N, C-alpha and C. Protein backbone atom coordinates (compact mmCIF):
# COMPACT_ATOMS: atom_id res chain seq x y z
N UNK A 1 24.17 -26.74 9.16
CA UNK A 1 23.85 -25.78 8.00
C UNK A 1 24.14 -24.08 8.72
N UNK A 2 24.78 -23.40 7.85
CA UNK A 2 25.18 -22.16 8.33
C UNK A 2 24.02 -21.22 8.23
N UNK A 3 24.46 -20.16 9.00
CA UNK A 3 23.41 -19.19 9.09
C UNK A 3 22.73 -18.41 7.92
N UNK A 4 23.94 -18.14 7.17
CA UNK A 4 23.63 -17.53 5.70
C UNK A 4 22.56 -18.28 5.13
N UNK A 5 22.87 -19.58 4.85
CA UNK A 5 21.99 -20.48 4.04
C UNK A 5 20.65 -20.68 4.72
N UNK A 6 20.56 -20.57 6.12
CA UNK A 6 19.20 -20.70 6.88
C UNK A 6 18.51 -19.19 6.62
N UNK A 7 19.24 -18.26 6.68
CA UNK A 7 18.51 -16.89 6.35
C UNK A 7 18.03 -16.88 4.78
N UNK A 8 18.71 -17.46 3.92
CA UNK A 8 18.41 -17.21 2.59
C UNK A 8 17.01 -18.17 2.38
N UNK A 9 17.14 -19.36 3.14
CA UNK A 9 15.91 -20.25 2.90
C UNK A 9 14.77 -19.58 3.53
N UNK A 10 14.93 -19.07 4.59
CA UNK A 10 13.74 -18.32 5.51
C UNK A 10 13.27 -17.06 4.50
N UNK A 11 14.09 -16.39 3.78
CA UNK A 11 13.85 -15.30 3.08
C UNK A 11 12.98 -15.91 1.83
N UNK A 12 13.52 -16.88 1.14
CA UNK A 12 12.87 -17.40 0.13
C UNK A 12 11.49 -17.94 0.46
N UNK A 13 11.18 -18.61 1.52
CA UNK A 13 9.98 -18.80 2.18
C UNK A 13 8.85 -17.67 2.13
N UNK A 14 9.48 -16.76 2.72
CA UNK A 14 8.68 -15.40 3.03
C UNK A 14 8.19 -14.82 1.48
N UNK A 15 9.27 -14.89 0.53
CA UNK A 15 8.86 -14.26 -0.65
C UNK A 15 8.09 -15.01 -1.70
N UNK A 16 8.06 -16.54 -1.29
CA UNK A 16 7.11 -17.20 -1.93
C UNK A 16 5.66 -17.00 -1.83
N UNK A 17 5.25 -16.28 -0.52
CA UNK A 17 4.22 -15.95 -0.54
C UNK A 17 3.55 -14.61 -0.92
N UNK A 18 4.56 -13.51 -0.78
CA UNK A 18 4.13 -12.33 -1.39
C UNK A 18 5.69 -11.62 -1.57
N UNK A 19 5.76 -10.47 -2.30
CA UNK A 19 6.78 -9.70 -2.37
C UNK A 19 7.10 -8.98 -1.00
N UNK A 20 8.09 -8.59 -0.77
CA UNK A 20 8.55 -7.89 0.62
C UNK A 20 9.36 -6.83 0.07
N UNK A 21 9.17 -5.84 1.25
CA UNK A 21 10.36 -4.46 0.99
C UNK A 21 11.53 -4.99 1.85
N UNK A 22 12.72 -4.33 1.50
CA UNK A 22 13.81 -4.61 2.21
C UNK A 22 13.81 -4.60 3.63
N UNK A 23 12.99 -3.39 4.17
CA UNK A 23 12.89 -3.25 5.53
C UNK A 23 12.09 -4.50 6.11
N UNK A 24 10.89 -4.80 5.42
CA UNK A 24 10.09 -5.81 5.87
C UNK A 24 10.77 -7.13 6.28
N UNK A 25 11.79 -7.45 5.26
CA UNK A 25 12.57 -8.61 5.25
C UNK A 25 13.53 -8.63 6.22
N UNK A 26 14.02 -7.32 6.53
CA UNK A 26 15.15 -7.19 7.45
C UNK A 26 14.67 -7.56 8.90
N UNK A 27 13.32 -6.86 9.26
CA UNK A 27 12.56 -7.08 10.35
C UNK A 27 12.29 -8.44 10.56
N UNK A 28 11.83 -9.04 9.59
CA UNK A 28 11.46 -10.48 9.77
C UNK A 28 12.85 -11.40 10.31
N UNK A 29 14.00 -11.28 9.50
CA UNK A 29 15.07 -12.06 9.77
C UNK A 29 15.60 -11.54 11.25
N UNK A 30 15.34 -10.34 11.70
CA UNK A 30 15.86 -9.94 12.96
C UNK A 30 15.03 -10.72 14.13
N UNK A 31 13.71 -10.92 13.60
CA UNK A 31 12.88 -11.77 14.36
C UNK A 31 13.17 -13.00 14.78
N UNK A 32 13.68 -13.58 13.84
CA UNK A 32 14.26 -15.02 13.65
C UNK A 32 15.86 -14.98 14.28
N UNK A 33 16.18 -13.90 14.86
CA UNK A 33 17.57 -13.76 15.68
C UNK A 33 18.59 -14.06 14.75
N UNK A 34 18.69 -13.63 13.61
CA UNK A 34 19.94 -13.65 12.67
C UNK A 34 20.64 -12.45 12.99
N UNK A 35 21.92 -12.65 12.79
CA UNK A 35 22.87 -11.42 13.10
C UNK A 35 22.85 -10.53 12.30
N UNK A 36 23.37 -9.30 12.43
CA UNK A 36 23.18 -8.30 11.52
C UNK A 36 24.16 -8.40 10.38
N UNK A 37 25.14 -9.02 10.36
CA UNK A 37 26.24 -9.42 9.28
C UNK A 37 25.35 -10.30 8.30
N UNK A 38 24.80 -11.23 8.74
CA UNK A 38 23.94 -12.32 7.83
C UNK A 38 22.79 -11.57 7.14
N UNK A 39 21.97 -10.67 7.89
CA UNK A 39 20.89 -10.13 7.40
C UNK A 39 21.39 -9.21 6.30
N UNK A 40 22.35 -8.49 6.58
CA UNK A 40 22.87 -7.66 5.29
C UNK A 40 23.44 -8.68 4.05
N UNK A 41 24.02 -9.51 4.60
CA UNK A 41 24.38 -10.59 3.48
C UNK A 41 23.45 -11.11 2.62
N UNK A 42 22.30 -11.71 3.43
CA UNK A 42 21.21 -12.14 2.85
C UNK A 42 20.61 -11.08 1.80
N UNK A 43 20.33 -9.88 2.59
CA UNK A 43 19.50 -8.76 1.56
C UNK A 43 20.46 -8.36 0.49
N UNK A 44 21.92 -8.39 0.57
CA UNK A 44 22.67 -7.96 -0.67
C UNK A 44 22.51 -9.15 -1.69
N UNK A 45 22.56 -10.46 -1.35
CA UNK A 45 22.33 -11.52 -2.11
C UNK A 45 21.08 -11.34 -3.00
N UNK A 46 20.05 -11.17 -2.35
CA UNK A 46 18.46 -11.31 -2.80
C UNK A 46 18.46 -10.09 -3.83
N UNK A 47 19.11 -8.92 -3.33
CA UNK A 47 19.11 -7.76 -4.48
C UNK A 47 19.85 -8.18 -5.52
N UNK A 48 20.95 -8.53 -5.30
CA UNK A 48 21.80 -8.80 -6.62
C UNK A 48 21.07 -9.87 -7.58
N UNK A 49 20.46 -10.88 -7.09
CA UNK A 49 19.63 -11.86 -7.81
C UNK A 49 18.34 -11.46 -8.16
N UNK A 50 17.82 -10.13 -7.85
CA UNK A 50 16.69 -9.43 -8.29
C UNK A 50 15.35 -10.19 -7.58
N UNK A 51 15.77 -10.82 -6.59
CA UNK A 51 14.48 -11.15 -5.70
C UNK A 51 13.96 -10.22 -4.66
N UNK A 52 14.74 -9.17 -4.55
CA UNK A 52 14.26 -8.12 -3.61
C UNK A 52 14.59 -6.77 -4.43
N UNK A 53 13.45 -6.08 -4.74
CA UNK A 53 13.49 -4.59 -5.15
C UNK A 53 12.41 -3.75 -4.71
N UNK A 54 12.63 -2.80 -4.01
CA UNK A 54 11.65 -1.81 -3.38
C UNK A 54 10.80 -1.07 -4.45
N UNK A 55 11.32 -1.00 -5.87
CA UNK A 55 10.68 -0.43 -6.87
C UNK A 55 9.52 -1.20 -7.30
N UNK A 56 10.08 -2.59 -7.49
CA UNK A 56 9.03 -3.50 -7.94
C UNK A 56 7.94 -3.61 -7.05
N UNK A 57 8.44 -3.78 -5.59
CA UNK A 57 7.41 -3.94 -4.55
C UNK A 57 6.32 -2.93 -4.40
N UNK A 58 7.01 -1.68 -4.47
CA UNK A 58 6.01 -0.57 -4.38
C UNK A 58 5.01 -0.53 -5.66
N UNK A 59 5.53 -0.94 -6.74
CA UNK A 59 4.64 -0.81 -7.99
C UNK A 59 3.42 -1.93 -7.71
N UNK A 60 3.90 -3.29 -7.27
CA UNK A 60 3.07 -4.40 -7.10
C UNK A 60 1.94 -3.90 -5.77
N UNK A 61 2.54 -3.36 -4.80
CA UNK A 61 1.65 -2.94 -3.78
C UNK A 61 0.57 -2.01 -4.24
N UNK A 62 0.97 -1.01 -4.88
CA UNK A 62 -0.05 0.17 -5.31
C UNK A 62 -0.95 -0.48 -6.14
N UNK A 63 -0.71 -1.45 -7.17
CA UNK A 63 -1.41 -2.08 -8.25
C UNK A 63 -2.59 -2.98 -7.19
N UNK A 64 -2.16 -3.59 -6.25
CA UNK A 64 -3.06 -4.59 -5.66
C UNK A 64 -4.10 -3.85 -4.75
N UNK A 65 -3.26 -2.67 -3.92
CA UNK A 65 -4.30 -1.70 -3.09
C UNK A 65 -5.27 -0.89 -3.93
N UNK A 66 -4.99 -0.66 -5.05
CA UNK A 66 -5.74 0.34 -5.96
C UNK A 66 -7.20 -0.49 -6.05
N UNK A 67 -6.97 -2.04 -6.22
CA UNK A 67 -8.17 -2.60 -6.59
C UNK A 67 -9.31 -2.87 -5.56
N UNK A 68 -8.68 -2.20 -4.13
CA UNK A 68 -9.57 -2.38 -2.99
C UNK A 68 -10.89 -1.61 -2.98
N UNK A 69 -10.90 -0.47 -3.51
CA UNK A 69 -10.00 0.73 -3.68
C UNK A 69 -9.53 1.38 -2.62
N UNK A 70 -8.30 1.94 -2.71
CA UNK A 70 -7.94 2.74 -1.70
C UNK A 70 -7.29 4.12 -2.16
N UNK A 71 -7.32 5.20 -1.48
CA UNK A 71 -6.70 6.44 -1.99
C UNK A 71 -5.36 6.75 -1.96
N UNK A 72 -4.59 7.45 -2.64
CA UNK A 72 -3.34 7.51 -2.81
C UNK A 72 -2.44 7.80 -1.56
N UNK A 73 -3.30 8.89 -0.64
CA UNK A 73 -2.67 9.15 0.56
C UNK A 73 -2.32 7.83 1.45
N UNK A 74 -3.47 7.12 1.46
CA UNK A 74 -3.24 5.76 2.28
C UNK A 74 -2.20 4.79 1.92
N UNK A 75 -2.06 4.87 0.47
CA UNK A 75 -1.08 4.03 -0.16
C UNK A 75 0.49 4.59 0.29
N UNK A 76 0.45 5.88 0.06
CA UNK A 76 1.73 6.53 0.49
C UNK A 76 2.16 6.23 2.03
N UNK A 77 1.21 6.35 2.75
CA UNK A 77 1.26 5.99 4.23
C UNK A 77 1.75 4.43 4.53
N UNK A 78 0.98 3.68 3.76
CA UNK A 78 1.15 2.21 3.99
C UNK A 78 2.83 1.94 3.53
N UNK A 79 3.25 2.53 2.20
CA UNK A 79 4.66 2.26 1.86
C UNK A 79 5.55 2.77 2.65
N UNK A 80 5.49 3.76 3.29
CA UNK A 80 6.35 4.53 4.24
C UNK A 80 6.41 3.59 5.42
N UNK A 81 5.44 3.00 5.87
CA UNK A 81 5.43 2.11 7.04
C UNK A 81 6.41 0.65 6.70
N UNK A 82 6.49 0.67 5.43
CA UNK A 82 7.02 -0.66 4.82
C UNK A 82 8.51 -0.34 4.49
N UNK A 83 8.72 0.86 4.85
CA UNK A 83 10.29 1.25 5.00
C UNK A 83 10.80 1.54 3.30
N UNK A 84 9.71 2.02 2.42
CA UNK A 84 10.11 2.20 0.98
C UNK A 84 10.30 3.86 1.05
N UNK A 85 11.54 4.13 0.16
CA UNK A 85 11.95 5.50 0.26
C UNK A 85 10.91 6.46 -0.40
N UNK A 86 10.80 7.56 0.02
CA UNK A 86 10.00 8.73 -0.42
C UNK A 86 10.12 8.71 -2.07
N UNK A 87 11.33 8.89 -2.56
CA UNK A 87 11.51 9.16 -3.99
C UNK A 87 10.60 7.85 -4.70
N UNK A 88 10.87 6.82 -4.34
CA UNK A 88 10.42 5.42 -4.93
C UNK A 88 8.76 5.62 -4.81
N UNK A 89 8.26 6.03 -3.87
CA UNK A 89 6.87 6.10 -3.51
C UNK A 89 6.25 6.98 -4.54
N UNK A 90 6.80 8.33 -4.57
CA UNK A 90 6.39 9.25 -5.44
C UNK A 90 6.33 9.10 -6.75
N UNK A 91 7.59 8.31 -7.25
CA UNK A 91 7.55 7.91 -8.70
C UNK A 91 6.57 6.84 -9.05
N UNK A 92 6.48 5.83 -8.00
CA UNK A 92 5.43 4.68 -8.25
C UNK A 92 4.07 5.26 -8.33
N UNK A 93 3.67 6.21 -7.54
CA UNK A 93 2.21 6.90 -7.44
C UNK A 93 1.92 7.68 -8.75
N UNK A 94 3.02 8.37 -9.11
CA UNK A 94 2.97 9.02 -10.49
C UNK A 94 2.63 8.27 -11.62
N UNK A 95 3.33 7.18 -11.74
CA UNK A 95 3.06 6.09 -12.66
C UNK A 95 1.63 5.39 -12.58
N UNK A 96 1.22 5.27 -11.29
CA UNK A 96 -0.07 4.67 -11.11
C UNK A 96 -1.27 5.68 -11.70
N UNK A 97 -0.96 7.03 -11.37
CA UNK A 97 -2.05 8.03 -11.63
C UNK A 97 -2.34 8.05 -13.27
N UNK A 98 -1.28 7.51 -14.00
CA UNK A 98 -1.74 7.48 -15.23
C UNK A 98 -2.94 6.64 -15.83
N UNK A 99 -3.22 5.66 -15.04
CA UNK A 99 -4.20 4.68 -15.27
C UNK A 99 -5.29 4.85 -14.32
N UNK A 100 -5.29 5.76 -13.30
CA UNK A 100 -6.18 5.69 -12.20
C UNK A 100 -6.64 7.20 -11.79
N UNK A 101 -7.99 7.29 -11.90
CA UNK A 101 -8.71 8.47 -11.66
C UNK A 101 -9.28 8.51 -10.13
N UNK A 102 -8.76 9.06 -9.13
CA UNK A 102 -9.10 9.10 -7.85
C UNK A 102 -10.53 9.87 -7.69
N UNK A 103 -10.66 10.91 -8.41
CA UNK A 103 -12.02 11.50 -8.56
C UNK A 103 -13.29 10.51 -9.00
N UNK A 104 -13.05 9.88 -10.23
CA UNK A 104 -14.00 8.65 -10.50
C UNK A 104 -14.10 7.85 -9.52
N UNK A 105 -13.22 7.27 -9.03
CA UNK A 105 -13.23 6.10 -8.05
C UNK A 105 -14.13 6.73 -6.69
N UNK A 106 -13.63 8.04 -6.22
CA UNK A 106 -14.64 8.55 -5.18
C UNK A 106 -16.07 8.71 -5.26
N UNK A 107 -16.17 9.06 -6.69
CA UNK A 107 -17.58 9.42 -7.05
C UNK A 107 -18.25 8.11 -6.96
N UNK A 108 -17.69 6.97 -7.51
CA UNK A 108 -18.40 5.67 -7.41
C UNK A 108 -18.74 5.24 -6.26
N UNK A 109 -17.49 5.31 -5.62
CA UNK A 109 -17.99 4.89 -3.98
C UNK A 109 -18.83 5.54 -3.13
N UNK A 110 -18.75 6.84 -3.25
CA UNK A 110 -19.74 7.80 -2.58
C UNK A 110 -21.31 7.40 -3.07
N UNK A 111 -21.36 7.24 -4.37
CA UNK A 111 -22.77 6.90 -4.76
C UNK A 111 -23.15 5.52 -4.11
N UNK A 112 -22.17 4.68 -4.25
CA UNK A 112 -22.58 3.28 -3.84
C UNK A 112 -23.01 3.24 -2.26
N UNK A 113 -22.07 4.03 -1.47
CA UNK A 113 -22.39 4.25 -0.06
C UNK A 113 -23.36 5.13 0.26
N UNK A 114 -23.88 6.18 -0.54
CA UNK A 114 -25.11 6.88 -0.20
C UNK A 114 -26.27 6.08 -0.49
N UNK A 115 -26.16 5.21 -1.56
CA UNK A 115 -27.30 4.44 -1.76
C UNK A 115 -27.69 3.25 -0.58
N UNK A 116 -26.54 3.17 -0.01
CA UNK A 116 -26.98 2.09 1.26
C UNK A 116 -27.50 2.77 2.66
N UNK A 117 -27.40 4.20 2.56
CA UNK A 117 -27.67 5.02 3.57
C UNK A 117 -29.07 5.79 3.44
N UNK A 118 -30.07 5.15 2.55
CA UNK A 118 -31.23 5.83 2.17
C UNK A 118 -32.02 6.34 3.20
N UNK A 119 -32.42 5.47 4.31
CA UNK A 119 -33.04 5.95 5.23
C UNK A 119 -32.61 6.98 6.35
N UNK A 120 -31.45 7.31 6.16
CA UNK A 120 -30.94 8.07 7.27
C UNK A 120 -30.79 9.47 6.86
N UNK A 121 -30.84 10.57 7.89
CA UNK A 121 -30.72 11.81 7.66
C UNK A 121 -29.75 12.09 6.71
N UNK A 122 -30.10 13.21 5.61
CA UNK A 122 -29.25 13.62 4.70
C UNK A 122 -27.85 13.81 5.09
N UNK A 123 -27.88 14.85 6.26
CA UNK A 123 -26.42 15.44 6.68
C UNK A 123 -25.78 14.15 7.31
N UNK A 124 -26.43 13.30 8.20
CA UNK A 124 -25.56 12.29 8.85
C UNK A 124 -24.94 11.24 7.69
N UNK A 125 -25.75 11.05 6.67
CA UNK A 125 -25.43 10.22 5.57
C UNK A 125 -24.07 10.71 4.94
N UNK A 126 -24.00 12.02 4.71
CA UNK A 126 -22.94 12.71 4.09
C UNK A 126 -21.84 12.70 4.92
N UNK A 127 -22.04 12.68 6.05
CA UNK A 127 -20.77 12.71 7.18
C UNK A 127 -20.15 11.33 7.33
N UNK A 128 -21.08 10.34 7.07
CA UNK A 128 -20.68 8.93 7.19
C UNK A 128 -19.89 8.68 5.95
N UNK A 129 -20.40 9.06 4.72
CA UNK A 129 -19.68 8.72 3.49
C UNK A 129 -18.37 9.50 3.47
N UNK A 130 -18.30 10.91 4.01
CA UNK A 130 -16.99 11.50 4.16
C UNK A 130 -15.98 10.76 4.94
N UNK A 131 -16.43 10.25 6.33
CA UNK A 131 -15.64 9.57 7.08
C UNK A 131 -15.18 8.15 6.38
N UNK A 132 -16.10 7.40 5.78
CA UNK A 132 -15.53 6.18 5.24
C UNK A 132 -14.53 6.51 4.07
N UNK A 133 -14.69 7.49 3.36
CA UNK A 133 -13.78 7.59 2.10
C UNK A 133 -12.37 8.10 2.64
N UNK A 134 -12.60 9.11 3.53
CA UNK A 134 -11.28 9.56 4.41
C UNK A 134 -10.59 8.50 4.85
N UNK A 135 -11.10 7.56 5.63
CA UNK A 135 -10.36 6.56 6.31
C UNK A 135 -9.73 5.49 5.16
N UNK A 136 -10.32 5.37 3.94
CA UNK A 136 -9.68 4.82 2.82
C UNK A 136 -8.56 5.53 2.23
N UNK A 137 -8.27 6.82 2.75
CA UNK A 137 -7.11 7.66 2.05
C UNK A 137 -7.48 8.46 0.74
N UNK A 138 -8.60 8.69 0.57
CA UNK A 138 -9.06 9.58 -0.39
C UNK A 138 -8.88 11.23 0.11
N UNK A 139 -8.37 12.04 -0.76
CA UNK A 139 -8.29 13.46 -0.52
C UNK A 139 -9.67 14.09 -0.01
N UNK A 140 -9.62 14.79 0.88
CA UNK A 140 -10.97 15.36 1.34
C UNK A 140 -11.61 16.39 0.37
N UNK A 141 -10.49 16.94 -0.78
CA UNK A 141 -11.25 17.76 -1.64
C UNK A 141 -12.20 16.91 -2.58
N UNK A 142 -11.38 15.86 -3.01
CA UNK A 142 -12.15 14.74 -3.87
C UNK A 142 -13.66 14.22 -3.31
N UNK A 143 -13.53 14.10 -2.00
CA UNK A 143 -14.66 13.49 -1.29
C UNK A 143 -15.79 14.59 -1.23
N UNK A 144 -15.24 15.96 -0.94
CA UNK A 144 -16.40 16.88 -0.82
C UNK A 144 -16.88 17.17 -2.14
N UNK A 145 -16.08 17.33 -3.26
CA UNK A 145 -16.64 17.33 -4.57
C UNK A 145 -17.59 16.36 -5.13
N UNK A 146 -17.15 15.21 -4.66
CA UNK A 146 -18.09 13.92 -5.02
C UNK A 146 -19.37 14.07 -4.46
N UNK A 147 -19.50 14.25 -3.18
CA UNK A 147 -20.87 14.35 -2.20
C UNK A 147 -21.55 15.57 -2.76
N UNK A 148 -20.96 16.65 -3.12
CA UNK A 148 -21.71 17.76 -3.69
C UNK A 148 -22.26 17.67 -4.82
N UNK A 149 -21.46 16.76 -5.72
CA UNK A 149 -22.07 16.35 -7.21
C UNK A 149 -23.37 15.40 -7.03
N UNK A 150 -23.15 14.52 -5.98
CA UNK A 150 -24.46 13.54 -5.86
C UNK A 150 -25.50 14.01 -5.10
N UNK A 151 -25.39 15.13 -4.02
CA UNK A 151 -26.47 15.58 -3.36
C UNK A 151 -27.01 17.12 -3.96
């Protein structure tokens, strides 16, 4: 069996589980010791047949990660690590913002988190909530506003 066919089959196996970015797929194919020409040929084939598209990948990634929920800053960082172009990231995040309010999400999460920290000193509870939300990628401004609103 020739290398191109093996690379395509491996790529389809990976894509069967979840969408991938071009960079992710390229890295996985490199890991399997496929040559650079075979990798380029495989990626070109998959893009041509619409099995590989960074726009669709970014949209799907954002939709799934907002359900966690995570902040837009974290999503931006994750997509950069996956090799998605900055223009694609910003376009998809702008699209996602139409149906998503970071402020409402932060307020809801802060309220839930503060509810779990009832017996703790108020200042320490605020710090913990702030740290928790910041690690999830929410903006500091939105977190501070939510904490001030709740306290």
